[in-house]
PDB file of N, CA and C in Angstrom:
ATOM      1  N   MET A   1     229.010 197.483  14.451  1.00  0.00           N
ATOM      2  CA  MET A   1     229.571 198.691  14.254  1.00  0.00           C
ATOM      3  C   MET A   1     230.917 198.728  15.084  1.00  0.00           C
ATOM      4  N   ARG A   2     231.980 199.081  14.467  1.00  0.00           N
ATOM      5  CA  ARG A   2     233.216 199.188  15.099  1.00  0.00           C
ATOM      6  C   ARG A   2     233.404 200.640  15.557  1.00  0.00           C
ATOM      7  N   THR A   3     233.830 200.729  16.889  1.00  0.00           N
ATOM      8  CA  THR A   3     234.130 202.034  17.406  1.00  0.00           C
ATOM      9  C   THR A   3     235.168 201.925  18.506  1.00  0.00           C
ATOM     10  N   ASN A   4     235.907 202.948  18.797  1.00  0.00           N
ATOM     11  CA  ASN A   4     236.776 202.998  19.943  1.00  0.00           C
ATOM     12  C   ASN A   4     236.211 204.000  20.982  1.00  0.00           C
ATOM     13  N   ILE A   5     236.158 203.432  22.184  1.00  0.00           N
ATOM     14  CA  ILE A   5     235.683 204.369  23.259  1.00  0.00           C
ATOM     15  C   ILE A   5     236.587 204.129  24.488  1.00  0.00           C
ATOM     16  N   GLU A   6     236.590 205.081  25.347  1.00  0.00           N
ATOM     17  CA  GLU A   6     237.372 204.950  26.524  1.00  0.00           C
ATOM     18  C   GLU A   6     236.404 204.511  27.726  1.00  0.00           C
ATOM     19  N   LEU A   7     236.766 203.477  28.303  1.00  0.00           N
ATOM     20  CA  LEU A   7     235.938 202.877  29.463  1.00  0.00           C
ATOM     21  C   LEU A   7     236.664 202.986  30.733  1.00  0.00           C
ATOM     22  N   ASP A   8     235.797 203.200  31.745  1.00  0.00           N
ATOM     23  CA  ASP A   8     236.404 203.180  33.175  1.00  0.00           C
ATOM     24  C   ASP A   8     236.824 201.784  33.500  1.00  0.00           C
ATOM     25  N   ASP A   9     238.048 201.570  33.705  1.00  0.00           N
ATOM     26  CA  ASP A   9     238.609 200.253  33.940  1.00  0.00           C
ATOM     27  C   ASP A   9     238.088 199.506  35.191  1.00  0.00           C
ATOM     28  N   SER A  10     237.896 200.286  36.209  1.00  0.00           N
ATOM     29  CA  SER A  10     237.356 199.723  37.511  1.00  0.00           C
ATOM     30  C   SER A  10     235.900 199.360  37.369  1.00  0.00           C
ATOM     31  N   MET A  11     235.172 200.146  36.610  1.00  0.00           N
ATOM     32  CA  MET A  11     233.743 199.846  36.328  1.00  0.00           C
ATOM     33  C   MET A  11     233.617 198.625  35.460  1.00  0.00           C
ATOM     34  N   VAL A  12     234.466 198.467  34.413  1.00  0.00           N
ATOM     35  CA  VAL A  12     234.413 197.397  33.555  1.00  0.00           C
ATOM     36  C   VAL A  12     234.843 196.053  34.391  1.00  0.00           C
ATOM     37  N   SER A  13     235.767 196.169  35.201  1.00  0.00           N
ATOM     38  CA  SER A  13     236.230 194.997  36.045  1.00  0.00           C
ATOM     39  C   SER A  13     235.080 194.521  36.946  1.00  0.00           C
ATOM     40  N   GLN A  14     234.461 195.549  37.525  1.00  0.00           N
ATOM     41  CA  GLN A  14     233.316 195.231  38.485  1.00  0.00           C
ATOM     42  C   GLN A  14     232.206 194.535  37.666  1.00  0.00           C
ATOM     43  N   ALA A  15     231.868 195.071  36.484  1.00  0.00           N
ATOM     44  CA  ALA A  15     230.781 194.504  35.656  1.00  0.00           C
ATOM     45  C   ALA A  15     231.169 193.106  35.324  1.00  0.00           C
ATOM     46  N   MET A  16     232.364 192.841  34.944  1.00  0.00           N
ATOM     47  CA  MET A  16     232.826 191.531  34.529  1.00  0.00           C
ATOM     48  C   MET A  16     232.667 190.619  35.702  1.00  0.00           C
ATOM     49  N   GLU A  17     233.068 190.975  36.930  1.00  0.00           N
ATOM     50  CA  GLU A  17     232.909 190.090  38.063  1.00  0.00           C
ATOM     51  C   GLU A  17     231.398 189.840  38.437  1.00  0.00           C
ATOM     52  N   LEU A  18     230.565 190.890  38.270  1.00  0.00           N
ATOM     53  CA  LEU A  18     229.106 190.610  38.600  1.00  0.00           C
ATOM     54  C   LEU A  18     228.440 189.702  37.616  1.00  0.00           C
ATOM     55  N   THR A  19     228.819 189.878  36.313  1.00  0.00           N
ATOM     56  CA  THR A  19     228.050 189.159  35.279  1.00  0.00           C
ATOM     57  C   THR A  19     228.724 187.869  34.820  1.00  0.00           C
ATOM     58  N   GLY A  20     230.040 187.652  35.107  1.00  0.00           N
ATOM     59  CA  GLY A  20     230.751 186.485  34.690  1.00  0.00           C
ATOM     60  C   GLY A  20     231.283 186.617  33.337  1.00  0.00           C
ATOM     61  N   GLU A  21     231.072 187.694  32.626  1.00  0.00           N
ATOM     62  CA  GLU A  21     231.580 187.914  31.382  1.00  0.00           C
ATOM     63  C   GLU A  21     233.127 187.968  31.460  1.00  0.00           C
ATOM     64  N   THR A  22     233.759 187.437  30.433  1.00  0.00           N
ATOM     65  CA  THR A  22     235.306 187.307  30.463  1.00  0.00           C
ATOM     66  C   THR A  22     235.949 188.317  29.570  1.00  0.00           C
ATOM     67  N   THR A  23     235.165 189.053  28.759  1.00  0.00           N
ATOM     68  CA  THR A  23     235.829 190.032  27.838  1.00  0.00           C
ATOM     69  C   THR A  23     235.047 191.311  28.035  1.00  0.00           C
ATOM     70  N   LYS A  24     235.825 192.447  27.591  1.00  0.00           N
ATOM     71  CA  LYS A  24     235.223 193.780  27.669  1.00  0.00           C
ATOM     72  C   LYS A  24     234.062 193.787  26.586  1.00  0.00           C
ATOM     73  N   ARG A  25     234.359 193.211  25.449  1.00  0.00           N
ATOM     74  CA  ARG A  25     233.304 193.154  24.357  1.00  0.00           C
ATOM     75  C   ARG A  25     232.002 192.575  25.010  1.00  0.00           C
ATOM     76  N   GLY A  26     232.201 191.410  25.640  1.00  0.00           N
ATOM     77  CA  GLY A  26     230.969 190.735  26.197  1.00  0.00           C
ATOM     78  C   GLY A  26     230.227 191.495  27.228  1.00  0.00           C
ATOM     79  N   VAL A  27     230.958 192.229  28.121  1.00  0.00           N
ATOM     80  CA  VAL A  27     230.351 193.010  29.070  1.00  0.00           C
ATOM     81  C   VAL A  27     229.621 194.181  28.536  1.00  0.00           C
ATOM     82  N   VAL A  28     230.208 194.857  27.612  1.00  0.00           N
ATOM     83  CA  VAL A  28     229.568 195.970  26.915  1.00  0.00           C
ATOM     84  C   VAL A  28     228.294 195.599  26.168  1.00  0.00           C
ATOM     85  N   ALA A  29     228.416 194.336  25.462  1.00  0.00           N
ATOM     86  CA  ALA A  29     227.237 193.880  24.638  1.00  0.00           C
ATOM     87  C   ALA A  29     226.148 193.577  25.697  1.00  0.00           C
ATOM     88  N   LEU A  30     226.456 192.930  26.817  1.00  0.00           N
ATOM     89  CA  LEU A  30     225.383 192.690  27.828  1.00  0.00           C
ATOM     90  C   LEU A  30     224.815 193.897  28.368  1.00  0.00           C
ATOM     91  N   ALA A  31     225.602 194.909  28.657  1.00  0.00           N
ATOM     92  CA  ALA A  31     225.115 196.175  29.310  1.00  0.00           C
ATOM     93  C   ALA A  31     224.190 196.830  28.245  1.00  0.00           C
ATOM     94  N   LEU A  32     224.618 196.895  26.967  1.00  0.00           N
ATOM     95  CA  LEU A  32     223.615 197.490  26.015  1.00  0.00           C
ATOM     96  C   LEU A  32     222.406 196.749  25.827  1.00  0.00           C
ATOM     97  N   SER A  33     222.434 195.409  25.829  1.00  0.00           N
ATOM     98  CA  SER A  33     221.334 194.548  25.733  1.00  0.00           C
ATOM     99  C   SER A  33     220.367 194.860  26.888  1.00  0.00           C
ATOM    100  N   GLU A  34     220.835 194.893  28.134  1.00  0.00           N
ATOM    101  CA  GLU A  34     220.043 195.101  29.268  1.00  0.00           C
ATOM    102  C   GLU A  34     219.402 196.459  29.352  1.00  0.00           C
ATOM    103  N   LEU A  35     220.184 197.419  28.975  1.00  0.00           N
ATOM    104  CA  LEU A  35     219.698 198.784  28.871  1.00  0.00           C
ATOM    105  C   LEU A  35     218.531 198.903  27.842  1.00  0.00           C
ATOM    106  N   VAL A  36     218.670 198.371  26.772  1.00  0.00           N
ATOM    107  CA  VAL A  36     217.546 198.381  25.688  1.00  0.00           C
ATOM    108  C   VAL A  36     216.392 197.737  26.259  1.00  0.00           C
ATOM    109  N   GLU A  37     216.477 196.466  26.748  1.00  0.00           N
ATOM    110  CA  GLU A  37     215.412 195.704  27.381  1.00  0.00           C
ATOM    111  C   GLU A  37     214.718 196.464  28.403  1.00  0.00           C
ATOM    112  N   ARG A  38     215.459 197.074  29.350  1.00  0.00           N
ATOM    113  CA  ARG A  38     214.831 197.801  30.410  1.00  0.00           C
ATOM    114  C   ARG A  38     214.041 199.065  29.926  1.00  0.00           C
ATOM    115  N   ARG A  39     214.605 199.794  29.039  1.00  0.00           N
ATOM    116  CA  ARG A  39     213.945 200.942  28.527  1.00  0.00           C
ATOM    117  C   ARG A  39     212.703 200.595  27.698  1.00  0.00           C
ATOM    118  N   GLU A  40     212.766 199.456  27.034  1.00  0.00           N
ATOM    119  CA  GLU A  40     211.537 199.032  26.209  1.00  0.00           C
ATOM    120  C   GLU A  40     210.344 198.539  26.982  1.00  0.00           C
ATOM    121  N   ARG A  41     210.638 198.162  28.240  1.00  0.00           N
ATOM    122  CA  ARG A  41     209.474 197.612  29.165  1.00  0.00           C
ATOM    123  C   ARG A  41     208.666 198.940  29.512  1.00  0.00           C
ATOM    124  N   ARG A  42     207.386 198.781  29.586  1.00  0.00           N
ATOM    125  CA  ARG A  42     206.494 199.745  29.972  1.00  0.00           C
ATOM    126  C   ARG A  42     206.507 199.726  31.527  1.00  0.00           C
ATOM    127  N   SER A  43     206.581 200.888  32.158  1.00  0.00           N
ATOM    128  CA  SER A  43     206.555 200.878  33.630  1.00  0.00           C
ATOM    129  C   SER A  43     205.239 200.711  34.106  1.00  0.00           C
ATOM    130  N   LEU A  44     205.004 200.220  35.311  1.00  0.00           N
ATOM    131  CA  LEU A  44     203.745 200.007  35.880  1.00  0.00           C
ATOM    132  C   LEU A  44     202.895 201.249  35.901  1.00  0.00           C
ATOM    133  N   GLY A  45     203.597 202.371  36.122  1.00  0.00           N
ATOM    134  CA  GLY A  45     202.909 203.656  36.149  1.00  0.00           C
ATOM    135  C   GLY A  45     202.193 204.029  34.806  1.00  0.00           C
ATOM    136  N   ASP A  46     202.778 203.489  33.735  1.00  0.00           N
ATOM    137  CA  ASP A  46     202.157 203.753  32.364  1.00  0.00           C
ATOM    138  C   ASP A  46     200.911 202.932  32.193  1.00  0.00           C
ATOM    139  N   LEU A  47     200.753 201.846  32.977  1.00  0.00           N
ATOM    140  CA  LEU A  47     199.515 201.046  32.845  1.00  0.00           C
ATOM    141  C   LEU A  47     198.442 201.501  33.804  1.00  0.00           C
ATOM    142  N   ARG A  48     198.697 202.451  34.656  1.00  0.00           N
ATOM    143  CA  ARG A  48     197.600 203.007  35.561  1.00  0.00           C
ATOM    144  C   ARG A  48     196.316 203.307  34.869  1.00  0.00           C
ATOM    145  N   GLY A  49     195.202 202.777  35.370  1.00  0.00           N
ATOM    146  CA  GLY A  49     193.928 203.008  34.731  1.00  0.00           C
ATOM    147  C   GLY A  49     193.686 202.294  33.485  1.00  0.00           C
ATOM    148  N   GLN A  50     194.579 201.467  33.014  1.00  0.00           N
ATOM    149  CA  GLN A  50     194.384 200.671  31.778  1.00  0.00           C
ATOM    150  C   GLN A  50     194.064 199.101  32.069  1.00  0.00           C
ATOM    151  N   VAL A  51     194.133 198.761  33.327  1.00  0.00           N
ATOM    152  CA  VAL A  51     194.068 197.315  33.582  1.00  0.00           C
ATOM    153  C   VAL A  51     192.726 197.237  34.504  1.00  0.00           C
ATOM    154  N   ALA A  52     191.804 196.378  34.081  1.00  0.00           N
ATOM    155  CA  ALA A  52     190.600 196.173  34.804  1.00  0.00           C
ATOM    156  C   ALA A  52     190.600 194.795  35.478  1.00  0.00           C
ATOM    157  N   PHE A  53     190.417 194.750  36.758  1.00  0.00           N
ATOM    158  CA  PHE A  53     190.403 193.497  37.500  1.00  0.00           C
ATOM    159  C   PHE A  53     188.991 192.983  37.685  1.00  0.00           C
ATOM    160  N   ALA A  54     188.915 191.687  37.778  1.00  0.00           N
ATOM    161  CA  ALA A  54     187.575 191.067  37.909  1.00  0.00           C
ATOM    162  C   ALA A  54     187.073 191.395  39.445  1.00  0.00           C
ATOM    163  N   ASP A  55     185.724 191.471  39.451  1.00  0.00           N
ATOM    164  CA  ASP A  55     185.090 191.781  40.783  1.00  0.00           C
ATOM    165  C   ASP A  55     185.533 190.627  41.689  1.00  0.00           C
ATOM    166  N   GLY A  56     185.879 190.987  42.950  1.00  0.00           N
ATOM    167  CA  GLY A  56     186.324 190.093  43.862  1.00  0.00           C
ATOM    168  C   GLY A  56     187.708 189.680  43.874  1.00  0.00           C
ATOM    169  N   TYR A  57     188.550 190.204  42.886  1.00  0.00           N
ATOM    170  CA  TYR A  57     189.954 189.852  42.758  1.00  0.00           C
ATOM    171  C   TYR A  57     190.622 190.340  43.981  1.00  0.00           C
ATOM    172  N   ASP A  58     191.469 189.383  44.603  1.00  0.00           N
ATOM    173  CA  ASP A  58     192.176 189.688  45.883  1.00  0.00           C
ATOM    174  C   ASP A  58     193.719 189.326  45.649  1.00  0.00           C
ATOM    175  N   HIS A  59     194.445 190.261  45.324  1.00  0.00           N
ATOM    176  CA  HIS A  59     195.894 189.994  45.054  1.00  0.00           C
ATOM    177  C   HIS A  59     196.589 189.506  46.311  1.00  0.00           C
ATOM    178  N   ARG A  60     196.131 189.931  47.484  1.00  0.00           N
ATOM    179  CA  ARG A  60     196.788 189.590  48.751  1.00  0.00           C
ATOM    180  C   ARG A  60     196.525 188.057  48.949  1.00  0.00           C
ATOM    181  N   ALA A  61     195.273 187.561  48.732  1.00  0.00           N
ATOM    182  CA  ALA A  61     195.033 186.123  48.917  1.00  0.00           C
ATOM    183  C   ALA A  61     195.852 185.208  47.983  1.00  0.00           C
ATOM    184  N   LEU A  62     196.062 185.767  46.686  1.00  0.00           N
ATOM    185  CA  LEU A  62     196.866 185.014  45.738  1.00  0.00           C
ATOM    186  C   LEU A  62     198.340 184.944  46.188  1.00  0.00           C
ATOM    187  N   ARG A  63     198.830 185.961  46.783  1.00  0.00           N
ATOM    188  CA  ARG A  63     200.214 185.935  47.177  1.00  0.00           C
ATOM    189  C   ARG A  63     200.406 184.861  48.292  1.00  0.00           C
ATOM    190  N   VAL A  64     199.465 184.798  49.264  1.00  0.00           N
ATOM    191  CA  VAL A  64     199.561 183.877  50.299  1.00  0.00           C
ATOM    192  C   VAL A  64     199.459 182.412  49.693  1.00  0.00           C
ATOM    193  N   ALA A  65     198.499 182.283  48.852  1.00  0.00           N
ATOM    194  CA  ALA A  65     198.256 180.884  48.225  1.00  0.00           C
ATOM    195  C   ALA A  65     199.399 180.350  47.341  1.00  0.00           C
ATOM    196  N   SER A  66     200.092 181.249  46.731  1.00  0.00           N
ATOM    197  CA  SER A  66     201.165 180.825  45.856  1.00  0.00           C
ATOM    198  C   SER A  66     202.588 181.137  46.403  1.00  0.00           C
ATOM    199  N   GLY A  67     202.640 181.569  47.702  1.00  0.00           N
ATOM    200  CA  GLY A  67     203.915 181.824  48.353  1.00  0.00           C
ATOM    201  C   GLY A  67     204.638 180.484  48.670  1.00  0.00           C
ATOM    202  N   PRO A  68     205.903 180.514  49.057  1.00  0.00           N
ATOM    203  CA  PRO A  68     206.690 179.335  49.375  1.00  0.00           C
ATOM    204  C   PRO A  68     206.235 178.713  50.659  1.00  0.00           C
ATOM    205  N   ASP A  69     206.307 177.421  50.668  1.00  0.00           N
ATOM    206  CA  ASP A  69     205.985 176.606  51.805  1.00  0.00           C
ATOM    207  C   ASP A  69     207.103 176.614  52.771  1.00  0.00           C
ATOM    208  N   LEU A  70     207.000 177.332  53.871  1.00  0.00           N
ATOM    209  CA  LEU A  70     208.136 177.544  54.784  1.00  0.00           C
ATOM    210  C   LEU A  70     207.950 176.577  55.918  1.00  0.00           C
ATOM    211  N   SER A  71     207.186 175.515  55.911  1.00  0.00           N
ATOM    212  CA  SER A  71     206.991 174.658  57.051  1.00  0.00           C
ATOM    213  C   SER A  71     208.115 173.638  57.139  1.00  0.00           C
TER     214      SER A  71
END
């Protein structure tokens, strides 16, 4: 879809620096893509009460076991 919009130049420049995109078109396409992806994800709050964990499940122990080896 072709359209003309007015963009904040400083915001576009900052977005281009942060993303590495070299064109306004590229940075706008990336921004729209990330917005749609983010909004489509279910928040963790939406899953409250819908996930059943196995008896004895210990998320803290798993974090320690799978964490980085800092030795």
